[in-house]
N, C-alpha and C. Protein backbone atom coordinates (compact mmCIF):
# COMPACT_ATOMS: atom_id res chain seq x y z
N MET A 1 -14.33 25.07 -7.92
CA MET A 1 -12.53 24.91 -7.47
C MET A 1 -13.09 23.05 -6.47
N LEU A 2 -11.42 22.36 -7.04
CA LEU A 2 -11.73 20.63 -6.30
C LEU A 2 -11.18 20.99 -5.20
N ASP A 3 -11.57 20.23 -4.21
CA ASP A 3 -10.36 20.42 -2.89
C ASP A 3 -10.41 19.08 -2.89
N LEU A 4 -9.18 18.42 -2.71
CA LEU A 4 -8.65 17.39 -3.06
C LEU A 4 -8.13 16.80 -1.59
N TYR A 5 -8.80 15.87 -1.11
CA TYR A 5 -7.90 14.84 -0.01
C TYR A 5 -7.43 13.81 -0.33
N LEU A 6 -6.15 13.51 -0.37
CA LEU A 6 -6.01 11.97 -1.15
C LEU A 6 -5.48 11.70 0.27
N ILE A 7 -6.29 10.16 0.82
CA ILE A 7 -5.57 9.18 2.31
C ILE A 7 -5.55 8.25 2.11
N ARG A 8 -4.01 8.10 2.72
CA ARG A 8 -3.71 6.57 2.28
C ARG A 8 -4.23 5.53 3.43
N HIS A 9 -4.70 4.63 3.28
CA HIS A 9 -5.09 3.83 4.38
C HIS A 9 -4.54 3.63 5.71
N ALA A 10 -5.13 3.37 7.04
CA ALA A 10 -4.35 3.29 8.26
C ALA A 10 -3.43 2.00 8.27
N GLU A 11 -2.78 1.43 9.26
CA GLU A 11 -2.35 0.53 9.12
C GLU A 11 -2.42 -0.57 9.08
N SER A 12 -1.74 -1.74 8.47
CA SER A 12 -2.80 -2.74 8.00
C SER A 12 -2.07 -3.91 8.87
N GLU A 13 -2.58 -5.18 8.87
CA GLU A 13 -1.18 -6.51 9.38
C GLU A 13 -0.16 -6.60 8.35
N MET A 14 -0.69 -6.28 6.67
CA MET A 14 1.14 -6.39 6.42
C MET A 14 2.26 -5.38 6.19
N ASN A 15 0.87 -4.28 7.29
CA ASN A 15 2.06 -3.17 7.20
C ASN A 15 3.61 -3.20 7.73
N ASN A 16 2.67 -4.60 9.28
CA ASN A 16 4.08 -4.73 10.03
C ASN A 16 4.85 -6.11 9.66
N ARG A 17 4.60 -6.61 8.61
CA ARG A 17 6.00 -7.53 7.55
C ARG A 17 6.34 -7.13 6.98
N SER A 18 7.96 -5.75 7.69
CA SER A 18 8.46 -5.09 6.45
C SER A 18 9.21 -6.02 5.66
N ASP A 19 9.18 -7.56 6.24
CA ASP A 19 9.87 -8.96 5.55
C ASP A 19 9.52 -8.72 4.29
N LEU A 20 8.37 -9.04 4.13
CA LEU A 20 7.73 -9.04 2.93
C LEU A 20 7.16 -7.64 1.72
N ILE A 21 6.94 -8.61 0.56
CA ILE A 21 6.53 -7.49 -0.58
C ILE A 21 5.03 -7.84 0.03
N GLY A 22 4.73 -5.99 0.01
CA GLY A 22 3.21 -6.31 -0.02
C GLY A 22 2.09 -5.64 -1.33
N GLY A 23 2.74 -5.43 -1.87
CA GLY A 23 1.78 -4.60 -3.09
C GLY A 23 0.14 -4.55 -2.63
N ARG A 24 -0.91 -4.81 -3.26
CA ARG A 24 -1.94 -5.19 -3.50
C ARG A 24 -2.52 -5.40 -2.66
N THR A 25 -2.50 -7.27 -1.63
CA THR A 25 -2.79 -7.34 -1.11
C THR A 25 -4.15 -7.44 -0.72
N ASN A 26 -4.96 -7.39 -0.88
CA ASN A 26 -6.03 -6.83 -1.07
C ASN A 26 -6.88 -7.41 0.22
N HIS A 27 -7.14 -8.41 0.31
CA HIS A 27 -7.76 -8.78 1.50
C HIS A 27 -7.10 -8.40 2.75
N THR A 28 -5.70 -8.46 3.06
CA THR A 28 -5.38 -7.82 4.49
C THR A 28 -5.97 -6.53 5.32
N PRO A 29 -6.61 -7.16 6.59
CA PRO A 29 -7.25 -6.21 7.23
C PRO A 29 -6.49 -5.18 8.33
N LEU A 30 -6.86 -3.93 8.55
CA LEU A 30 -6.45 -2.84 9.38
C LEU A 30 -5.80 -3.94 10.69
N SER A 31 -4.94 -3.33 11.30
CA SER A 31 -4.12 -3.56 12.79
C SER A 31 -5.22 -3.02 13.85
N GLU A 32 -4.90 -3.16 14.60
CA GLU A 32 -5.27 -3.08 15.91
C GLU A 32 -5.15 -0.78 15.99
N LYS A 33 -3.36 -0.79 16.10
CA LYS A 33 -3.24 0.39 15.98
C LYS A 33 -3.54 0.64 14.57
N GLY A 34 -3.77 0.56 13.43
CA GLY A 34 -4.58 1.05 12.66
C GLY A 34 -5.56 1.68 12.49
N LYS A 35 -6.83 0.87 13.20
CA LYS A 35 -8.01 1.19 13.26
C LYS A 35 -7.73 2.39 14.47
N ARG A 36 -7.14 2.57 15.71
CA ARG A 36 -7.00 3.73 15.81
C ARG A 36 -6.80 4.81 15.53
N GLN A 37 -5.81 4.73 14.53
CA GLN A 37 -5.33 5.54 13.81
C GLN A 37 -6.71 6.41 12.74
N ALA A 38 -7.04 5.82 12.01
CA ALA A 38 -8.52 5.84 11.63
C ALA A 38 -8.96 6.75 12.03
N THR A 39 -9.73 6.22 13.38
CA THR A 39 -10.70 7.16 14.43
C THR A 39 -10.28 8.69 14.46
N LEU A 40 -9.32 8.14 15.17
CA LEU A 40 -8.18 9.65 14.91
C LEU A 40 -8.84 10.84 13.82
N LEU A 41 -8.13 10.24 12.72
CA LEU A 41 -8.14 10.83 11.22
C LEU A 41 -9.40 11.17 11.28
N GLY A 42 -10.58 10.63 11.69
CA GLY A 42 -12.31 10.73 11.28
C GLY A 42 -12.65 12.21 12.58
N ARG A 43 -12.07 12.11 13.71
CA ARG A 43 -11.91 13.09 14.99
C ARG A 43 -11.26 14.35 13.95
N ARG A 44 -10.12 14.28 13.43
CA ARG A 44 -9.73 15.59 12.98
C ARG A 44 -10.76 16.04 12.07
N PHE A 45 -11.22 15.64 11.56
CA PHE A 45 -12.24 15.88 9.81
C PHE A 45 -13.51 16.74 10.56
N HIS A 46 -13.91 15.94 11.65
CA HIS A 46 -15.36 16.12 13.04
C HIS A 46 -14.66 17.49 13.36
N ASP A 47 -13.71 17.57 13.82
CA ASP A 47 -13.26 18.91 14.58
C ASP A 47 -13.22 19.93 14.12
N SER A 48 -12.64 19.88 12.83
CA SER A 48 -12.23 20.94 12.12
C SER A 48 -13.00 20.98 11.19
N GLY A 49 -14.15 20.56 11.17
CA GLY A 49 -15.13 20.98 10.39
C GLY A 49 -15.46 20.84 9.15
N VAL A 50 -14.78 20.32 8.47
CA VAL A 50 -14.51 19.83 6.77
C VAL A 50 -15.50 18.62 6.63
N PHE A 51 -16.30 19.31 5.89
CA PHE A 51 -17.68 18.24 4.82
C PHE A 51 -17.44 17.98 3.67
N PHE A 52 -17.01 16.43 3.31
CA PHE A 52 -16.57 15.95 2.10
C PHE A 52 -18.19 16.25 1.25
N ASP A 53 -18.34 16.23 0.03
CA ASP A 53 -19.19 16.26 -0.79
C ASP A 53 -19.42 15.45 -1.27
N ASN A 54 -18.33 13.99 -1.77
CA ASN A 54 -17.93 13.28 -2.06
C ASN A 54 -17.10 12.03 -1.01
N PHE A 55 -16.79 10.50 -1.26
CA PHE A 55 -15.81 10.13 -0.90
C PHE A 55 -15.66 8.84 -2.11
N TYR A 56 -14.23 8.35 -2.02
CA TYR A 56 -14.18 7.45 -3.28
C TYR A 56 -12.95 6.55 -2.37
N SER A 57 -13.34 5.21 -3.27
CA SER A 57 -12.07 4.51 -2.30
C SER A 57 -11.12 3.31 -3.09
N SER A 58 -10.32 2.64 -3.19
CA SER A 58 -10.26 1.51 -3.76
C SER A 58 -10.69 0.55 -2.68
N THR A 59 -10.93 -0.36 -4.18
CA THR A 59 -12.03 -2.03 -3.46
C THR A 59 -11.00 -2.81 -1.89
N ALA A 60 -9.41 -2.75 -1.88
CA ALA A 60 -9.10 -2.99 -1.18
C ALA A 60 -9.48 -3.03 0.68
N ARG A 61 -9.28 -4.27 0.99
CA ARG A 61 -10.32 -4.30 2.39
C ARG A 61 -9.39 -3.34 3.08
N ARG A 62 -8.17 -3.00 3.58
CA ARG A 62 -7.76 -1.82 4.29
C ARG A 62 -8.27 -0.41 3.75
N THR A 63 -8.72 -0.70 2.99
CA THR A 63 -9.34 0.68 2.61
C THR A 63 -10.53 1.05 2.50
N VAL A 64 -11.21 0.30 2.73
CA VAL A 64 -12.29 0.65 2.71
C VAL A 64 -13.38 0.75 4.16
N GLU A 65 -11.76 -0.23 4.95
CA GLU A 65 -12.36 -0.44 6.25
C GLU A 65 -11.49 1.21 7.00
N THR A 66 -10.27 1.63 6.43
CA THR A 66 -10.29 3.03 7.03
C THR A 66 -11.23 4.03 6.78
N ALA A 67 -11.40 3.49 5.67
CA ALA A 67 -12.82 4.55 4.76
C ALA A 67 -14.40 4.68 6.02
N GLU A 68 -14.67 3.62 6.37
CA GLU A 68 -15.46 2.92 7.41
C GLU A 68 -15.79 4.05 8.48
N ILE A 69 -14.26 3.73 9.10
CA ILE A 69 -14.23 4.07 10.85
C ILE A 69 -13.94 5.72 10.37
N VAL A 70 -13.82 6.07 9.61
CA VAL A 70 -13.42 7.67 9.32
C VAL A 70 -14.70 8.48 9.07
N ILE A 71 -15.49 7.98 8.47
CA ILE A 71 -17.04 8.63 7.91
C ILE A 71 -17.93 8.04 9.03
N GLU A 72 -17.69 6.85 9.67
CA GLU A 72 -18.71 7.06 10.93
C GLU A 72 -18.03 8.19 11.98
N GLN A 73 -17.25 8.26 12.18
CA GLN A 73 -16.98 9.38 13.01
C GLN A 73 -17.78 11.26 12.36
N LEU A 74 -17.86 11.16 11.25
CA LEU A 74 -18.61 12.61 10.76
C LEU A 74 -20.01 11.82 10.32
N GLY A 75 -20.40 10.77 10.76
CA GLY A 75 -22.17 10.67 10.84
C GLY A 75 -22.61 10.93 9.76
N ARG A 76 -21.91 10.27 8.63
CA ARG A 76 -21.54 9.21 7.68
C ARG A 76 -22.23 8.25 7.54
N SER A 77 -22.88 7.64 6.43
CA SER A 77 -22.20 6.21 5.77
C SER A 77 -21.75 5.71 5.14
N ILE A 78 -20.76 4.25 5.69
CA ILE A 78 -20.78 3.72 4.29
C ILE A 78 -21.21 3.63 2.87
N ASP A 79 -22.07 3.62 2.42
CA ASP A 79 -23.00 3.26 1.57
C ASP A 79 -22.79 4.75 0.44
N GLU A 80 -22.06 5.46 1.54
CA GLU A 80 -21.62 6.88 0.61
C GLU A 80 -20.55 6.71 -0.60
N VAL A 81 -19.58 6.04 0.20
CA VAL A 81 -18.50 5.51 -0.14
C VAL A 81 -18.18 4.98 -1.94
N VAL A 82 -18.15 5.18 -2.68
CA VAL A 82 -17.98 4.86 -4.12
C VAL A 82 -16.34 4.04 -4.20
N GLN A 83 -16.48 3.29 -4.64
CA GLN A 83 -15.35 1.71 -4.26
C GLN A 83 -14.77 1.25 -5.97
N THR A 84 -13.94 1.43 -6.14
CA THR A 84 -13.50 1.19 -7.85
C THR A 84 -12.03 0.68 -7.59
N GLN A 85 -11.32 0.33 -8.30
CA GLN A 85 -10.13 -1.40 -8.41
C GLN A 85 -8.98 -0.44 -8.91
N ILE A 86 -9.84 0.91 -9.66
CA ILE A 86 -9.03 2.02 -10.50
C ILE A 86 -7.90 2.23 -9.16
N LEU A 87 -7.79 2.70 -8.18
CA LEU A 87 -7.60 3.42 -7.14
C LEU A 87 -6.71 2.21 -6.33
N LEU A 88 -6.70 1.08 -6.68
CA LEU A 88 -5.86 -0.01 -6.15
C LEU A 88 -4.25 0.60 -5.79
N GLU A 89 -3.38 -0.17 -5.22
CA GLU A 89 -1.46 0.12 -5.30
C GLU A 89 -1.72 -0.80 -6.12
N LEU A 90 -0.45 -0.32 -6.52
CA LEU A 90 1.42 -1.12 -7.56
C LEU A 90 0.97 -2.45 -7.00
N ASP A 91 0.67 -2.81 -8.71
CA ASP A 91 0.19 -4.58 -8.28
C ASP A 91 1.64 -4.78 -8.84
N GLN A 92 2.44 -5.85 -7.44
CA GLN A 92 3.59 -6.50 -7.16
C GLN A 92 3.50 -7.93 -8.11
N GLY A 93 2.35 -8.21 -8.98
CA GLY A 93 2.21 -9.28 -9.60
C GLY A 93 2.86 -10.78 -9.17
N ASP A 94 3.67 -11.14 -9.58
CA ASP A 94 4.34 -12.21 -8.86
C ASP A 94 4.60 -12.27 -7.48
N TRP A 95 5.46 -10.90 -7.18
CA TRP A 95 6.08 -10.79 -5.92
C TRP A 95 5.08 -10.57 -4.97
N GLU A 96 3.86 -10.32 -5.00
CA GLU A 96 3.19 -10.63 -4.09
C GLU A 96 3.49 -11.15 -2.72
N GLY A 97 3.76 -10.94 -1.78
CA GLY A 97 3.88 -11.42 -0.42
C GLY A 97 5.03 -12.29 -0.17
N LYS A 98 5.95 -12.23 -1.23
CA LYS A 98 7.73 -13.00 -1.57
C LYS A 98 8.12 -12.29 -0.17
N PRO A 99 9.42 -12.95 0.32
CA PRO A 99 10.53 -12.19 0.67
C PRO A 99 11.31 -11.51 0.26
N ARG A 100 11.74 -9.99 0.53
CA ARG A 100 11.73 -9.09 0.11
C ARG A 100 13.20 -9.82 -0.13
N ILE A 101 14.20 -9.97 0.88
CA ILE A 101 15.51 -10.80 0.83
C ILE A 101 15.83 -11.33 -0.61
N GLU A 102 14.71 -12.78 -1.10
CA GLU A 102 15.00 -13.17 -1.64
C GLU A 102 14.70 -12.14 -3.24
N ILE A 103 13.74 -11.43 -3.31
CA ILE A 103 13.09 -10.54 -4.95
C ILE A 103 14.54 -10.11 -4.87
N TYR A 104 14.85 -9.13 -3.79
CA TYR A 104 15.79 -7.72 -3.96
C TYR A 104 16.91 -8.39 -4.28
N THR A 105 17.78 -9.14 -5.25
CA THR A 105 19.32 -9.14 -5.40
C THR A 105 19.82 -7.61 -5.85
N PRO A 106 20.60 -7.90 -5.98
CA PRO A 106 21.51 -6.60 -6.52
C PRO A 106 21.23 -6.75 -8.28
N GLU A 107 21.19 -7.26 -8.76
CA GLU A 107 20.70 -7.27 -10.26
C GLU A 107 19.37 -6.70 -10.19
N VAL A 108 18.41 -7.59 -9.58
CA VAL A 108 17.00 -6.55 -9.39
C VAL A 108 17.44 -5.40 -9.04
N LEU A 109 17.38 -4.55 -8.00
CA LEU A 109 17.74 -3.29 -7.20
C LEU A 109 18.38 -2.54 -8.54
N GLN A 110 19.52 -3.15 -9.14
CA GLN A 110 19.85 -2.14 -9.96
C GLN A 110 19.29 -1.99 -11.42
N ALA A 111 18.15 -3.00 -12.14
CA ALA A 111 17.39 -2.70 -12.99
C ALA A 111 16.55 -1.96 -12.37
N ILE A 112 15.54 -1.53 -11.28
CA ILE A 112 14.73 -1.01 -10.29
C ILE A 112 14.71 0.52 -10.73
N ASN A 113 16.78 0.73 -10.08
CA ASN A 113 17.04 1.78 -9.92
C ASN A 113 17.14 2.48 -11.26
N SER A 114 17.56 1.95 -12.17
CA SER A 114 18.35 2.45 -13.70
C SER A 114 16.84 3.13 -14.28
N ASP A 115 15.31 2.69 -13.98
CA ASP A 115 14.47 3.33 -14.51
C ASP A 115 12.84 2.60 -13.96
N ASN A 116 13.69 3.64 -12.30
CA ASN A 116 12.07 2.87 -11.74
C ASN A 116 10.24 2.98 -12.24
N TRP A 117 10.06 4.04 -12.99
CA TRP A 117 9.11 4.41 -13.58
C TRP A 117 8.38 3.59 -14.58
N ASN A 118 9.21 2.63 -15.54
CA ASN A 118 8.48 1.74 -16.55
C ASN A 118 9.05 0.27 -15.91
N PHE A 119 9.76 0.37 -14.42
CA PHE A 119 9.80 -1.30 -14.30
C PHE A 119 8.88 -1.71 -14.19
N THR A 120 8.82 -3.16 -14.17
CA THR A 120 7.66 -3.86 -13.91
C THR A 120 8.00 -5.11 -13.76
N PRO A 121 7.14 -5.41 -12.28
CA PRO A 121 7.69 -7.04 -11.87
C PRO A 121 7.04 -8.03 -13.09
N PRO A 122 7.19 -9.04 -12.58
CA PRO A 122 6.44 -10.54 -13.18
C PRO A 122 5.06 -10.26 -13.32
N ASN A 123 4.30 -10.24 -14.19
CA ASN A 123 2.56 -10.22 -14.15
C ASN A 123 2.52 -8.97 -13.39
N GLY A 124 2.91 -7.61 -13.00
CA GLY A 124 2.50 -6.60 -12.22
C GLY A 124 2.20 -5.53 -12.98
N GLU A 125 2.68 -4.59 -12.58
CA GLU A 125 2.36 -3.02 -13.18
C GLU A 125 3.61 -2.09 -12.97
N SER A 126 4.03 -1.09 -13.70
CA SER A 126 5.02 0.05 -13.29
C SER A 126 4.57 1.27 -12.91
N GLN A 127 5.55 2.36 -12.32
CA GLN A 127 4.89 3.43 -11.48
C GLN A 127 4.19 4.36 -13.13
N ARG A 128 4.89 3.55 -14.22
CA ARG A 128 3.58 4.53 -15.09
C ARG A 128 2.66 4.35 -15.80
N THR A 129 2.08 2.79 -15.45
CA THR A 129 1.01 2.58 -15.20
C THR A 129 0.16 3.14 -14.68
N VAL A 130 0.53 2.97 -12.59
CA VAL A 130 0.10 3.47 -12.16
C VAL A 130 -0.29 4.80 -12.08
N GLU A 131 0.67 6.01 -12.60
CA GLU A 131 0.01 7.10 -12.87
C GLU A 131 -0.52 7.21 -14.04
N GLU A 132 -0.84 6.52 -14.79
CA GLU A 132 -1.76 6.75 -16.67
C GLU A 132 -3.09 6.30 -15.62
N ARG A 133 -3.53 5.25 -14.76
CA ARG A 133 -4.96 5.03 -14.66
C ARG A 133 -5.02 6.19 -13.57
N MET A 134 -4.25 6.56 -12.45
CA MET A 134 -4.36 7.57 -11.50
C MET A 134 -5.16 8.78 -12.33
N LEU A 135 -4.17 9.24 -13.02
CA LEU A 135 -4.53 10.56 -13.85
C LEU A 135 -6.40 10.40 -14.46
N GLY A 136 -6.27 9.37 -14.93
CA GLY A 136 -7.19 9.25 -16.10
C GLY A 136 -8.23 9.14 -14.76
N TRP A 137 -8.09 8.37 -13.96
CA TRP A 137 -9.59 8.41 -13.37
C TRP A 137 -9.70 9.98 -12.53
N VAL A 138 -8.50 10.58 -12.38
CA VAL A 138 -9.10 12.34 -11.67
C VAL A 138 -9.60 13.05 -12.29
N ASP A 139 -8.90 13.02 -13.69
CA ASP A 139 -9.67 13.77 -15.16
C ASP A 139 -10.99 13.52 -15.15
N LYS A 140 -11.57 12.28 -15.72
CA LYS A 140 -12.66 11.90 -15.79
C LYS A 140 -14.03 11.79 -14.32
N ASN A 141 -13.29 11.19 -13.88
CA ASN A 141 -14.13 11.34 -12.21
C ASN A 141 -14.22 12.70 -11.44
N LEU A 142 -13.45 13.61 -11.27
CA LEU A 142 -13.21 14.50 -10.48
C LEU A 142 -12.95 15.75 -11.17
N ILE A 143 -12.26 16.55 -11.84
CA ILE A 143 -12.33 17.37 -12.41
C ILE A 143 -13.41 17.90 -13.86
N SER A 144 -13.29 16.61 -14.54
CA SER A 144 -14.95 16.80 -15.63
C SER A 144 -16.58 16.68 -14.85
N ARG A 145 -16.15 15.97 -13.60
CA ARG A 145 -17.46 16.32 -13.03
C ARG A 145 -17.52 17.18 -11.98
N TYR A 146 -16.06 17.78 -11.55
CA TYR A 146 -17.32 18.79 -9.95
C TYR A 146 -16.89 19.98 -10.68
N LYS A 147 -17.84 20.94 -11.63
CA LYS A 147 -17.65 22.08 -11.77
C LYS A 147 -17.83 23.36 -10.92
N THR A 148 -18.50 23.27 -9.53
CA THR A 148 -18.76 23.79 -8.76
C THR A 148 -17.71 23.87 -7.42
N ASP A 149 -17.70 24.44 -6.40
CA ASP A 149 -16.59 23.73 -5.91
C ASP A 149 -17.36 22.75 -4.85
N SER A 150 -16.04 21.83 -4.15
CA SER A 150 -16.28 20.44 -4.11
C SER A 150 -15.26 20.12 -3.34
N THR A 151 -15.61 19.49 -2.26
CA THR A 151 -14.54 18.86 -1.05
C THR A 151 -14.88 17.70 -1.20
N VAL A 152 -13.83 16.28 -1.67
CA VAL A 152 -13.43 15.23 -2.35
C VAL A 152 -12.46 14.57 -1.51
N GLY A 153 -12.89 13.29 -0.49
CA GLY A 153 -11.84 12.28 0.35
C GLY A 153 -11.52 11.31 -0.90
N VAL A 154 -10.77 10.63 -1.27
CA VAL A 154 -10.36 9.64 -1.53
C VAL A 154 -9.16 8.39 -0.97
N PHE A 155 -10.23 7.36 -0.64
CA PHE A 155 -9.14 6.70 0.34
C PHE A 155 -7.81 5.70 -0.83
N THR A 156 -6.86 5.84 -0.39
CA THR A 156 -6.93 4.86 -1.66
C THR A 156 -5.00 4.34 -0.89
N HIS A 157 -3.78 4.99 -1.69
CA HIS A 157 -2.31 3.58 -1.13
C HIS A 157 -1.61 4.55 -1.51
N GLY A 158 0.01 4.08 -1.19
CA GLY A 158 0.94 4.96 -0.19
C GLY A 158 1.60 5.17 -2.39
N VAL A 159 2.01 4.20 -2.96
CA VAL A 159 2.30 4.49 -3.95
C VAL A 159 1.44 4.91 -5.48
N SER A 160 0.23 4.70 -5.31
CA SER A 160 -0.64 5.10 -6.10
C SER A 160 -0.87 6.37 -6.02
N VAL A 161 -0.76 7.10 -4.35
CA VAL A 161 -0.77 8.53 -4.53
C VAL A 161 0.65 9.62 -4.83
N LYS A 162 1.50 8.99 -4.73
CA LYS A 162 2.87 9.11 -5.22
C LYS A 162 3.31 9.47 -6.90
N CYS A 163 2.46 8.22 -7.83
CA CYS A 163 2.81 8.53 -8.81
C CYS A 163 1.27 9.36 -9.85
N LEU A 164 0.38 9.93 -9.03
CA LEU A 164 -0.19 10.78 -8.90
C LEU A 164 0.29 11.90 -8.79
N LEU A 165 0.58 12.05 -8.02
CA LEU A 165 1.65 13.45 -7.78
C LEU A 165 2.66 13.80 -9.02
N ARG A 166 3.26 12.98 -8.95
CA ARG A 166 4.35 12.57 -10.21
C ARG A 166 3.64 13.25 -11.10
N GLY A 167 2.78 12.69 -11.63
CA GLY A 167 2.21 13.04 -13.27
C GLY A 167 1.41 14.29 -12.75
N ILE A 168 0.93 14.94 -11.98
CA ILE A 168 0.40 16.39 -11.60
C ILE A 168 1.24 17.21 -11.12
N MET A 169 2.12 16.97 -10.84
CA MET A 169 3.55 17.82 -10.65
C MET A 169 4.47 18.23 -11.62
N GLY A 170 4.60 17.04 -11.98
CA GLY A 170 5.68 17.12 -13.07
C GLY A 170 7.14 17.08 -12.80
N PHE A 171 7.00 16.05 -11.22
CA PHE A 171 8.64 16.00 -10.91
C PHE A 171 9.48 14.25 -11.49
N SER A 172 10.80 14.33 -11.06
CA SER A 172 11.53 13.56 -11.68
C SER A 172 10.51 11.90 -10.89
N PRO A 173 10.76 10.48 -11.82
CA PRO A 173 9.70 9.84 -11.42
C PRO A 173 11.31 9.43 -10.12
N LYS A 174 12.30 9.29 -10.32
CA LYS A 174 13.42 9.13 -9.32
C LYS A 174 12.87 9.38 -7.88
N ILE A 175 11.98 10.76 -7.69
CA ILE A 175 11.24 11.24 -6.23
C ILE A 175 10.67 10.54 -5.98
N THR A 176 9.76 9.39 -6.72
CA THR A 176 8.65 8.69 -6.52
C THR A 176 9.04 7.89 -4.73
N TYR A 177 10.00 7.82 -4.58
CA TYR A 177 10.51 6.45 -3.30
C TYR A 177 11.38 7.44 -2.34
N LYS A 178 11.68 8.59 -2.59
CA LYS A 178 12.13 9.54 -1.65
C LYS A 178 10.97 10.38 -0.68
N ILE A 179 9.72 10.14 -1.14
CA ILE A 179 8.64 10.48 -0.50
C ILE A 179 8.37 9.90 -0.07
N THR A 180 7.46 10.21 1.63
CA THR A 180 7.01 9.14 2.92
C THR A 180 5.57 9.70 3.01
N LEU A 181 4.82 8.70 2.83
CA LEU A 181 3.34 8.52 2.48
C LEU A 181 3.03 7.98 4.11
N ASP A 182 3.05 8.49 5.60
CA ASP A 182 2.58 7.37 6.61
C ASP A 182 1.10 7.37 6.56
N ASN A 183 0.89 6.24 7.43
CA ASN A 183 -0.70 5.55 7.62
C ASN A 183 -1.35 6.57 7.95
N THR A 184 -2.57 6.68 6.95
CA THR A 184 -3.79 7.53 7.18
C THR A 184 -3.23 9.16 7.31
N SER A 185 -2.00 9.22 6.38
CA SER A 185 -1.18 10.62 5.85
C SER A 185 -2.46 11.56 4.76
N ILE A 186 -2.69 12.62 4.84
CA ILE A 186 -3.58 13.40 4.18
C ILE A 186 -2.39 13.75 3.38
N THR A 187 -2.53 13.67 1.85
CA THR A 187 -1.96 14.55 0.32
C THR A 187 -3.25 15.67 0.15
N ARG A 188 -3.52 16.90 0.47
CA ARG A 188 -4.18 17.70 -0.05
C ARG A 188 -4.03 18.52 -1.43
N LEU A 189 -4.45 18.55 -2.29
CA LEU A 189 -4.87 19.87 -3.77
C LEU A 189 -5.73 20.48 -3.72
N LYS A 190 -5.81 21.08 -4.99
CA LYS A 190 -6.55 22.35 -5.38
C LYS A 190 -6.55 22.36 -6.66
N TYR A 191 -7.65 21.64 -7.44
CA TYR A 191 -7.98 22.51 -8.68
C TYR A 191 -8.58 23.79 -9.16
N SER A 192 -8.23 24.71 -9.73
CA SER A 192 -9.10 25.41 -10.30
C SER A 192 -9.01 25.98 -11.49
N GLU A 193 -9.30 27.05 -12.07
CA GLU A 193 -9.07 27.82 -13.44
C GLU A 193 -7.15 27.42 -13.72
N THR A 194 -6.60 28.10 -13.00
CA THR A 194 -5.20 27.73 -12.93
C THR A 194 -4.71 26.79 -13.23
N GLY A 195 -5.10 25.33 -12.71
CA GLY A 195 -4.54 24.44 -12.71
C GLY A 195 -4.40 24.27 -11.16
N TRP A 196 -4.02 22.58 -10.79
CA TRP A 196 -3.43 22.01 -9.61
C TRP A 196 -2.00 22.69 -8.77
N HIS A 197 -2.36 23.45 -7.19
CA HIS A 197 -1.98 23.41 -6.64
C HIS A 197 -1.77 22.86 -4.87
N LEU A 198 -1.08 22.36 -4.53
CA LEU A 198 -0.43 21.18 -3.89
C LEU A 198 -0.40 22.04 -2.31
N LEU A 199 -1.14 21.38 -1.70
CA LEU A 199 -1.44 22.40 -0.03
C LEU A 199 -0.86 21.99 0.45
N ALA A 200 -0.83 20.11 1.54
CA ALA A 200 -0.06 19.65 2.42
C ALA A 200 0.15 18.27 1.56
N ILE A 201 1.28 17.85 2.31
CA ILE A 201 1.71 16.01 2.10
C ILE A 201 2.09 15.79 2.95
N ASN A 202 1.50 14.40 3.05
CA ASN A 202 2.27 13.42 4.57
C ASN A 202 1.70 13.86 5.13
N ASP A 203 0.33 14.80 5.62
CA ASP A 203 0.15 15.58 6.95
C ASP A 203 -0.48 14.66 8.05
N ILE A 204 0.39 14.09 9.20
CA ILE A 204 -0.35 13.28 10.06
C ILE A 204 -0.12 13.72 11.87
N SER A 205 -0.80 14.89 11.42
CA SER A 205 -0.90 15.82 12.95
C SER A 205 -2.11 15.39 13.58
N HIS A 206 -3.16 14.51 13.25
CA HIS A 206 -3.74 14.21 13.96
C HIS A 206 -3.10 12.49 14.85
N LEU A 207 -1.83 11.94 14.26
CA LEU A 207 -1.39 11.05 14.95
C LEU A 207 -0.40 11.43 16.57
N PHE A 208 -0.05 12.35 16.36
CA PHE A 208 1.06 13.16 17.41
C PHE A 208 1.49 12.95 18.71
N GLY A 209 1.73 12.15 19.25
CA GLY A 209 1.17 11.48 20.56
C GLY A 209 -0.16 10.83 21.24
N ARG A 210 -0.99 10.28 19.87
CA ARG A 210 -2.05 9.98 19.80
C ARG A 210 -1.91 8.48 19.51
N GLU A 211 -1.13 7.89 19.04
CA GLU A 211 -0.93 6.22 18.47
C GLU A 211 -1.18 5.34 19.62
């Protein structure tokens, strides 16, 4: 049985710029608040006795920094984290870093809302594309690899997790933007001979009253 923890990165400096379209912004570091969030998450895993057989992370700076802080709390090494670009956030292409008010005109919003699953920013990617790469990675690197009971931690991004959930659970693409995934949230699934089972989504109990 595969016990999968999908972990959204801690707060980054770009998360504090709600006026800008973030997208991948792979160079963005964690904020001071984000570092505290990651430390609290690591302590939670340590105190609850969760043992991870393997760790994976996107190559974005904010996810790698989150992983490093978390696994340090577990007495593990960042060298154990396998990094891959496949786990990166949805690519906003030419829109990355641009003011939202300039990009999200009524016409653009209408186009997005009419088919958000297939809508693709200029030189970016669609939710469909993100879902396909995330599902493909899970099938190849997790389901086919772990034949015995294993617990795996994956440090990734909000939209990437939402698109993966859509593919696994089969819900309407219109639901993706209605799902809230906070920084350092845990989305937990198990996979067995009976298929996928969703155990938790947006679990941030480690942050309550402590940030």
